[in-house]
Amino acid sequence: MTTFDVLQRFGTLALIRHALTVLLFLALHLIRIPLVLLARILEWLMRRLNDYAAAQATRPQRGPVYQFFPHESPKEARYA
């Protein structure tokens, strides 16, 4: 069915509605492309940050761990 057949059978308004629908479909897909790229970049950054955080959390200590409170056994515990 050609454009002229649609125009003759359904009228100008139906042809315009169809053209607008197709243009809206194309516009939505063009808007979607940058959003998908942004989502992939965010995913890559979050994966890198997660790997960095996991590496920092599982790394063994290189120096002394400073204790701010003395270790006391329950017998030596002083209560105020």
PDB file of N, CA and C in Angstrom:
ATOM      1  N   MET A   1       0.847  -1.156   0.000  1.00  0.00           N
ATOM      2  CA  MET A   1       0.000   0.000   0.000  1.00  0.00           C
ATOM      3  C   MET A   1       0.905   1.236   0.000  1.00  0.00           C
ATOM      4  N   THR A   2       0.725   2.101  -0.906  1.00  0.00           N
ATOM      5  CA  THR A   2       1.547   3.296  -1.025  1.00  0.00           C
ATOM      6  C   THR A   2       0.966   4.420  -0.171  1.00  0.00           C
ATOM      7  N   THR A   3       1.710   5.493  -0.110  1.00  0.00           N
ATOM      8  CA  THR A   3       1.264   6.667   0.641  1.00  0.00           C
ATOM      9  C   THR A   3      -0.005   7.243   0.046  1.00  0.00           C
ATOM     10  N   PHE A   4      -0.084   7.248  -1.264  1.00  0.00           N
ATOM     11  CA  PHE A   4      -1.267   7.803  -1.922  1.00  0.00           C
ATOM     12  C   PHE A   4      -2.496   6.925  -1.698  1.00  0.00           C
ATOM     13  N   ASP A   5      -2.301   5.604  -1.623  1.00  0.00           N
ATOM     14  CA  ASP A   5      -3.417   4.709  -1.320  1.00  0.00           C
ATOM     15  C   ASP A   5      -3.941   4.960   0.096  1.00  0.00           C
ATOM     16  N   VAL A   6      -3.029   5.141   1.037  1.00  0.00           N
ATOM     17  CA  VAL A   6      -3.435   5.436   2.419  1.00  0.00           C
ATOM     18  C   VAL A   6      -4.173   6.758   2.468  1.00  0.00           C
ATOM     19  N   LEU A   7      -3.640   7.753   1.738  1.00  0.00           N
ATOM     20  CA  LEU A   7      -4.275   9.066   1.711  1.00  0.00           C
ATOM     21  C   LEU A   7      -5.686   8.993   1.136  1.00  0.00           C
ATOM     22  N   GLN A   8      -5.846   8.215   0.073  1.00  0.00           N
ATOM     23  CA  GLN A   8      -7.158   8.109  -0.568  1.00  0.00           C
ATOM     24  C   GLN A   8      -8.135   7.304   0.280  1.00  0.00           C
ATOM     25  N   ARG A   9      -7.647   6.246   0.933  1.00  0.00           N
ATOM     26  CA  ARG A   9      -8.539   5.354   1.669  1.00  0.00           C
ATOM     27  C   ARG A   9      -8.899   5.888   3.047  1.00  0.00           C
ATOM     28  N   PHE A  10      -7.905   6.422   3.801  1.00  0.00           N
ATOM     29  CA  PHE A  10      -8.138   6.816   5.187  1.00  0.00           C
ATOM     30  C   PHE A  10      -8.170   8.327   5.407  1.00  0.00           C
ATOM     31  N   GLY A  11      -7.649   9.098   4.493  1.00  0.00           N
ATOM     32  CA  GLY A  11      -7.710  10.552   4.612  1.00  0.00           C
ATOM     33  C   GLY A  11      -6.405  11.164   5.100  1.00  0.00           C
ATOM     34  N   THR A  12      -6.384  12.468   5.018  1.00  0.00           N
ATOM     35  CA  THR A  12      -5.184  13.218   5.363  1.00  0.00           C
ATOM     36  C   THR A  12      -4.854  13.126   6.844  1.00  0.00           C
ATOM     37  N   LEU A  13      -5.848  13.175   7.689  1.00  0.00           N
ATOM     38  CA  LEU A  13      -5.623  13.140   9.128  1.00  0.00           C
ATOM     39  C   LEU A  13      -4.954  11.826   9.557  1.00  0.00           C
ATOM     40  N   ALA A  14      -5.371  10.711   9.014  1.00  0.00           N
ATOM     41  CA  ALA A  14      -4.769   9.423   9.348  1.00  0.00           C
ATOM     42  C   ALA A  14      -3.318   9.369   8.877  1.00  0.00           C
ATOM     43  N   LEU A  15      -3.037   9.935   7.723  1.00  0.00           N
ATOM     44  CA  LEU A  15      -1.673   9.951   7.207  1.00  0.00           C
ATOM     45  C   LEU A  15      -0.769  10.821   8.084  1.00  0.00           C
ATOM     46  N   ILE A  16      -1.284  11.952   8.530  1.00  0.00           N
ATOM     47  CA  ILE A  16      -0.510  12.838   9.400  1.00  0.00           C
ATOM     48  C   ILE A  16      -0.268  12.185  10.763  1.00  0.00           C
ATOM     49  N   ARG A  17      -1.298  11.533  11.317  1.00  0.00           N
ATOM     50  CA  ARG A  17      -1.126  10.827  12.594  1.00  0.00           C
ATOM     51  C   ARG A  17      -0.069   9.739  12.473  1.00  0.00           C
ATOM     52  N   HIS A  18      -0.081   8.987  11.395  1.00  0.00           N
ATOM     53  CA  HIS A  18       0.899   7.935  11.191  1.00  0.00           C
ATOM     54  C   HIS A  18       2.305   8.528  11.076  1.00  0.00           C
ATOM     55  N   ALA A  19       2.449   9.607  10.317  1.00  0.00           N
ATOM     56  CA  ALA A  19       3.763  10.231  10.154  1.00  0.00           C
ATOM     57  C   ALA A  19       4.275  10.758  11.494  1.00  0.00           C
ATOM     58  N   LEU A  20       3.404  11.372  12.284  1.00  0.00           N
ATOM     59  CA  LEU A  20       3.812  11.872  13.599  1.00  0.00           C
ATOM     60  C   LEU A  20       4.199  10.740  14.545  1.00  0.00           C
ATOM     61  N   THR A  21       3.482   9.633  14.456  1.00  0.00           N
ATOM     62  CA  THR A  21       3.811   8.474  15.284  1.00  0.00           C
ATOM     63  C   THR A  21       5.188   7.930  14.935  1.00  0.00           C
ATOM     64  N   VAL A  22       5.487   7.826  13.647  1.00  0.00           N
ATOM     65  CA  VAL A  22       6.801   7.344  13.218  1.00  0.00           C
ATOM     66  C   VAL A  22       7.895   8.311  13.659  1.00  0.00           C
ATOM     67  N   LEU A  23       7.665   9.620  13.531  1.00  0.00           N
ATOM     68  CA  LEU A  23       8.652  10.605  13.962  1.00  0.00           C
ATOM     69  C   LEU A  23       8.866  10.567  15.476  1.00  0.00           C
ATOM     70  N   LEU A  24       7.812  10.383  16.241  1.00  0.00           N
ATOM     71  CA  LEU A  24       7.947  10.254  17.694  1.00  0.00           C
ATOM     72  C   LEU A  24       8.750   9.009  18.058  1.00  0.00           C
ATOM     73  N   PHE A  25       8.488   7.906  17.363  1.00  0.00           N
ATOM     74  CA  PHE A  25       9.238   6.674  17.579  1.00  0.00           C
ATOM     75  C   PHE A  25      10.726   6.900  17.322  1.00  0.00           C
ATOM     76  N   LEU A  26      11.063   7.548  16.237  1.00  0.00           N
ATOM     77  CA  LEU A  26      12.464   7.827  15.922  1.00  0.00           C
ATOM     78  C   LEU A  26      13.083   8.785  16.930  1.00  0.00           C
ATOM     79  N   ALA A  27      12.347   9.800  17.353  1.00  0.00           N
ATOM     80  CA  ALA A  27      12.875  10.757  18.331  1.00  0.00           C
ATOM     81  C   ALA A  27      13.168  10.084  19.670  1.00  0.00           C
ATOM     82  N   LEU A  28      12.277   9.207  20.105  1.00  0.00           N
ATOM     83  CA  LEU A  28      12.508   8.500  21.367  1.00  0.00           C
ATOM     84  C   LEU A  28      13.743   7.623  21.299  1.00  0.00           C
ATOM     85  N   HIS A  29      13.979   6.994  20.169  1.00  0.00           N
ATOM     86  CA  HIS A  29      15.178   6.171  20.031  1.00  0.00           C
ATOM     87  C   HIS A  29      16.436   7.024  19.964  1.00  0.00           C
ATOM     88  N   LEU A  30      16.350   8.195  19.383  1.00  0.00           N
ATOM     89  CA  LEU A  30      17.511   9.080  19.364  1.00  0.00           C
ATOM     90  C   LEU A  30      17.815   9.640  20.750  1.00  0.00           C
ATOM     91  N   ILE A  31      16.784   9.878  21.549  1.00  0.00           N
ATOM     92  CA  ILE A  31      16.984  10.326  22.927  1.00  0.00           C
ATOM     93  C   ILE A  31      17.576   9.201  23.766  1.00  0.00           C
ATOM     94  N   ARG A  32      17.204   7.975  23.463  1.00  0.00           N
ATOM     95  CA  ARG A  32      17.631   6.819  24.251  1.00  0.00           C
ATOM     96  C   ARG A  32      19.133   6.556  24.127  1.00  0.00           C
ATOM     97  N   ILE A  33      19.730   6.852  22.991  1.00  0.00           N
ATOM     98  CA  ILE A  33      21.140   6.526  22.756  1.00  0.00           C
ATOM     99  C   ILE A  33      22.064   7.191  23.784  1.00  0.00           C
ATOM    100  N   PRO A  34      21.990   8.508  24.015  1.00  0.00           N
ATOM    101  CA  PRO A  34      22.884   9.092  25.026  1.00  0.00           C
ATOM    102  C   PRO A  34      22.612   8.573  26.435  1.00  0.00           C
ATOM    103  N   LEU A  35      21.355   8.258  26.734  1.00  0.00           N
ATOM    104  CA  LEU A  35      21.045   7.733  28.062  1.00  0.00           C
ATOM    105  C   LEU A  35      21.661   6.355  28.277  1.00  0.00           C
ATOM    106  N   VAL A  36      21.652   5.529  27.251  1.00  0.00           N
ATOM    107  CA  VAL A  36      22.275   4.210  27.359  1.00  0.00           C
ATOM    108  C   VAL A  36      23.783   4.357  27.518  1.00  0.00           C
ATOM    109  N   LEU A  37      24.392   5.270  26.779  1.00  0.00           N
ATOM    110  CA  LEU A  37      25.827   5.503  26.917  1.00  0.00           C
ATOM    111  C   LEU A  37      26.172   6.008  28.313  1.00  0.00           C
ATOM    112  N   LEU A  38      25.369   6.908  28.853  1.00  0.00           N
ATOM    113  CA  LEU A  38      25.586   7.397  30.204  1.00  0.00           C
ATOM    114  C   LEU A  38      25.462   6.270  31.222  1.00  0.00           C
ATOM    115  N   ALA A  39      24.494   5.395  31.054  1.00  0.00           N
ATOM    116  CA  ALA A  39      24.324   4.266  31.973  1.00  0.00           C
ATOM    117  C   ALA A  39      25.527   3.326  31.908  1.00  0.00           C
ATOM    118  N   ARG A  40      26.066   3.106  30.731  1.00  0.00           N
ATOM    119  CA  ARG A  40      27.239   2.234  30.617  1.00  0.00           C
ATOM    120  C   ARG A  40      28.477   2.864  31.241  1.00  0.00           C
ATOM    121  N   ILE A  41      28.627   4.177  31.095  1.00  0.00           N
ATOM    122  CA  ILE A  41      29.761   4.858  31.724  1.00  0.00           C
ATOM    123  C   ILE A  41      29.635   4.793  33.240  1.00  0.00           C
ATOM    124  N   LEU A  42      28.426   5.031  33.761  1.00  0.00           N
ATOM    125  CA  LEU A  42      28.212   4.932  35.203  1.00  0.00           C
ATOM    126  C   LEU A  42      28.470   3.523  35.722  1.00  0.00           C
ATOM    127  N   GLU A  43      28.060   2.519  34.952  1.00  0.00           N
ATOM    128  CA  GLU A  43      28.308   1.137  35.354  1.00  0.00           C
ATOM    129  C   GLU A  43      29.806   0.864  35.425  1.00  0.00           C
ATOM    130  N   TRP A  44      30.560   1.343  34.443  1.00  0.00           N
ATOM    131  CA  TRP A  44      32.008   1.140  34.418  1.00  0.00           C
ATOM    132  C   TRP A  44      32.663   1.826  35.616  1.00  0.00           C
ATOM    133  N   LEU A  45      32.252   3.073  35.919  1.00  0.00           N
ATOM    134  CA  LEU A  45      32.815   3.790  37.059  1.00  0.00           C
ATOM    135  C   LEU A  45      32.492   3.099  38.381  1.00  0.00           C
ATOM    136  N   MET A  46      31.263   2.645  38.522  1.00  0.00           N
ATOM    137  CA  MET A  46      30.882   1.969  39.764  1.00  0.00           C
ATOM    138  C   MET A  46      31.633   0.655  39.935  1.00  0.00           C
ATOM    139  N   ARG A  47      31.869  -0.051  38.845  1.00  0.00           N
ATOM    140  CA  ARG A  47      32.625  -1.294  38.919  1.00  0.00           C
ATOM    141  C   ARG A  47      34.069  -1.014  39.344  1.00  0.00           C
ATOM    142  N   ARG A  48      34.667   0.050  38.780  1.00  0.00           N
ATOM    143  CA  ARG A  48      36.037   0.406  39.154  1.00  0.00           C
ATOM    144  C   ARG A  48      36.109   0.805  40.631  1.00  0.00           C
ATOM    145  N   LEU A  49      35.149   1.610  41.094  1.00  0.00           N
ATOM    146  CA  LEU A  49      35.132   2.008  42.501  1.00  0.00           C
ATOM    147  C   LEU A  49      34.930   0.807  43.421  1.00  0.00           C
ATOM    148  N   ASN A  50      34.095  -0.118  43.025  1.00  0.00           N
ATOM    149  CA  ASN A  50      33.869  -1.314  43.832  1.00  0.00           C
ATOM    150  C   ASN A  50      35.136  -2.154  43.914  1.00  0.00           C
ATOM    151  N   ASP A  51      35.830  -2.324  42.801  1.00  0.00           N
ATOM    152  CA  ASP A  51      37.083  -3.084  42.811  1.00  0.00           C
ATOM    153  C   ASP A  51      38.124  -2.409  43.691  1.00  0.00           C
ATOM    154  N   TYR A  52      38.206  -1.076  43.610  1.00  0.00           N
ATOM    155  CA  TYR A  52      39.158  -0.339  44.434  1.00  0.00           C
ATOM    156  C   TYR A  52      38.831  -0.484  45.914  1.00  0.00           C
ATOM    157  N   ALA A  53      37.545  -0.343  46.250  1.00  0.00           N
ATOM    158  CA  ALA A  53      37.137  -0.459  47.656  1.00  0.00           C
ATOM    159  C   ALA A  53      37.380  -1.874  48.183  1.00  0.00           C
ATOM    160  N   ALA A  54      37.104  -2.867  47.367  1.00  0.00           N
ATOM    161  CA  ALA A  54      37.327  -4.250  47.804  1.00  0.00           C
ATOM    162  C   ALA A  54      38.817  -4.519  47.990  1.00  0.00           C
ATOM    163  N   ALA A  55      39.652  -3.981  47.110  1.00  0.00           N
ATOM    164  CA  ALA A  55      41.094  -4.174  47.243  1.00  0.00           C
ATOM    165  C   ALA A  55      41.618  -3.486  48.502  1.00  0.00           C
ATOM    166  N   GLN A  56      41.098  -2.307  48.814  1.00  0.00           N
ATOM    167  CA  GLN A  56      41.530  -1.597  50.017  1.00  0.00           C
ATOM    168  C   GLN A  56      41.071  -2.314  51.281  1.00  0.00           C
ATOM    169  N   ALA A  57      39.891  -2.873  51.245  1.00  0.00           N
ATOM    170  CA  ALA A  57      39.342  -3.526  52.437  1.00  0.00           C
ATOM    171  C   ALA A  57      40.010  -4.865  52.716  1.00  0.00           C
ATOM    172  N   THR A  58      40.505  -5.541  51.699  1.00  0.00           N
ATOM    173  CA  THR A  58      41.092  -6.863  51.898  1.00  0.00           C
ATOM    174  C   THR A  58      42.608  -6.834  51.946  1.00  0.00           C
ATOM    175  N   ARG A  59      43.212  -5.653  51.843  1.00  0.00           N
ATOM    176  CA  ARG A  59      44.659  -5.542  51.876  1.00  0.00           C
ATOM    177  C   ARG A  59      45.158  -5.759  53.295  1.00  0.00           C
ATOM    178  N   PRO A  60      46.228  -6.532  53.479  1.00  0.00           N
ATOM    179  CA  PRO A  60      46.757  -6.713  54.831  1.00  0.00           C
ATOM    180  C   PRO A  60      47.386  -5.412  55.344  1.00  0.00           C
ATOM    181  N   GLN A  61      47.421  -5.281  56.652  1.00  0.00           N
ATOM    182  CA  GLN A  61      47.979  -4.083  57.270  1.00  0.00           C
ATOM    183  C   GLN A  61      49.494  -4.042  57.067  1.00  0.00           C
ATOM    184  N   ARG A  62      50.033  -2.870  56.747  1.00  0.00           N
ATOM    185  CA  ARG A  62      51.477  -2.733  56.549  1.00  0.00           C
ATOM    186  C   ARG A  62      52.177  -2.265  57.820  1.00  0.00           C
ATOM    187  N   GLY A  63      51.495  -1.608  58.652  1.00  0.00           N
ATOM    188  CA  GLY A  63      52.120  -1.077  59.860  1.00  0.00           C
ATOM    189  C   GLY A  63      51.325  -1.476  61.084  1.00  0.00           C
ATOM    190  N   PRO A  64      51.693  -0.910  62.223  1.00  0.00           N
ATOM    191  CA  PRO A  64      50.959  -1.254  63.444  1.00  0.00           C
ATOM    192  C   PRO A  64      49.554  -0.664  63.422  1.00  0.00           C
ATOM    193  N   VAL A  65      48.677  -1.378  64.071  1.00  0.00           N
ATOM    194  CA  VAL A  65      47.318  -0.894  64.235  1.00  0.00           C
ATOM    195  C   VAL A  65      47.269  -0.225  65.594  1.00  0.00           C
ATOM    196  N   TYR A  66      47.000   1.051  65.604  1.00  0.00           N
ATOM    197  CA  TYR A  66      47.028   1.807  66.847  1.00  0.00           C
ATOM    198  C   TYR A  66      45.778   1.519  67.660  1.00  0.00           C
ATOM    199  N   GLN A  67      46.012   1.169  68.916  1.00  0.00           N
ATOM    200  CA  GLN A  67      44.925   0.906  69.841  1.00  0.00           C
ATOM    201  C   GLN A  67      44.848   2.089  70.801  1.00  0.00           C
ATOM    202  N   PHE A  68      43.706   2.696  70.903  1.00  0.00           N
ATOM    203  CA  PHE A  68      43.556   3.850  71.761  1.00  0.00           C
ATOM    204  C   PHE A  68      43.169   3.487  73.188  1.00  0.00           C
ATOM    205  N   PHE A  69      42.744   2.266  73.410  1.00  0.00           N
ATOM    206  CA  PHE A  69      42.378   1.829  74.738  1.00  0.00           C
ATOM    207  C   PHE A  69      43.246   0.633  75.086  1.00  0.00           C
ATOM    208  N   PRO A  70      43.767   0.580  76.298  1.00  0.00           N
ATOM    209  CA  PRO A  70      44.618  -0.563  76.660  1.00  0.00           C
ATOM    210  C   PRO A  70      43.786  -1.838  76.761  1.00  0.00           C
ATOM    211  N   HIS A  71      44.406  -2.935  76.382  1.00  0.00           N
ATOM    212  CA  HIS A  71      43.728  -4.224  76.497  1.00  0.00           C
ATOM    213  C   HIS A  71      43.826  -4.679  77.952  1.00  0.00           C
ATOM    214  N   GLU A  72      42.726  -4.933  78.530  1.00  0.00           N
ATOM    215  CA  GLU A  72      42.691  -5.395  79.913  1.00  0.00           C
ATOM    216  C   GLU A  72      41.867  -6.663  79.975  1.00  0.00           C
ATOM    217  N   SER A  73      42.313  -7.558  80.810  1.00  0.00           N
ATOM    218  CA  SER A  73      41.531  -8.762  81.023  1.00  0.00           C
ATOM    219  C   SER A  73      40.344  -8.407  81.914  1.00  0.00           C
ATOM    220  N   PRO A  74      39.327  -9.253  81.956  1.00  0.00           N
ATOM    221  CA  PRO A  74      38.156  -8.943  82.802  1.00  0.00           C
ATOM    222  C   PRO A  74      38.524  -8.774  84.273  1.00  0.00           C
ATOM    223  N   LYS A  75      39.599  -9.466  84.739  1.00  0.00           N
ATOM    224  CA  LYS A  75      40.002  -9.342  86.140  1.00  0.00           C
ATOM    225  C   LYS A  75      40.618  -7.961  86.394  1.00  0.00           C
ATOM    226  N   GLU A  76      41.271  -7.413  85.387  1.00  0.00           N
ATOM    227  CA  GLU A  76      41.951  -6.147  85.564  1.00  0.00           C
ATOM    228  C   GLU A  76      41.075  -4.946  85.221  1.00  0.00           C
ATOM    229  N   ALA A  77      39.881  -5.200  84.787  1.00  0.00           N
ATOM    230  CA  ALA A  77      39.019  -4.093  84.353  1.00  0.00           C
ATOM    231  C   ALA A  77      38.683  -3.210  85.532  1.00  0.00           C
ATOM    232  N   ARG A  78      38.823  -1.917  85.310  1.00  0.00           N
ATOM    233  CA  ARG A  78      38.535  -0.958  86.363  1.00  0.00           C
ATOM    234  C   ARG A  78      37.206  -0.300  86.063  1.00  0.00           C
ATOM    235  N   TYR A  79      36.362  -0.283  87.029  1.00  0.00           N
ATOM    236  CA  TYR A  79      35.059   0.347  86.866  1.00  0.00           C
ATOM    237  C   TYR A  79      35.043   1.622  87.694  1.00  0.00           C
ATOM    238  N   ALA A  80      34.534   2.670  87.109  1.00  0.00           N
ATOM    239  CA  ALA A  80      34.520   3.950  87.813  1.00  0.00           C
ATOM    240  C   ALA A  80      33.271   4.098  88.630  1.00  0.00           C
TER     241      ALA A  80
END
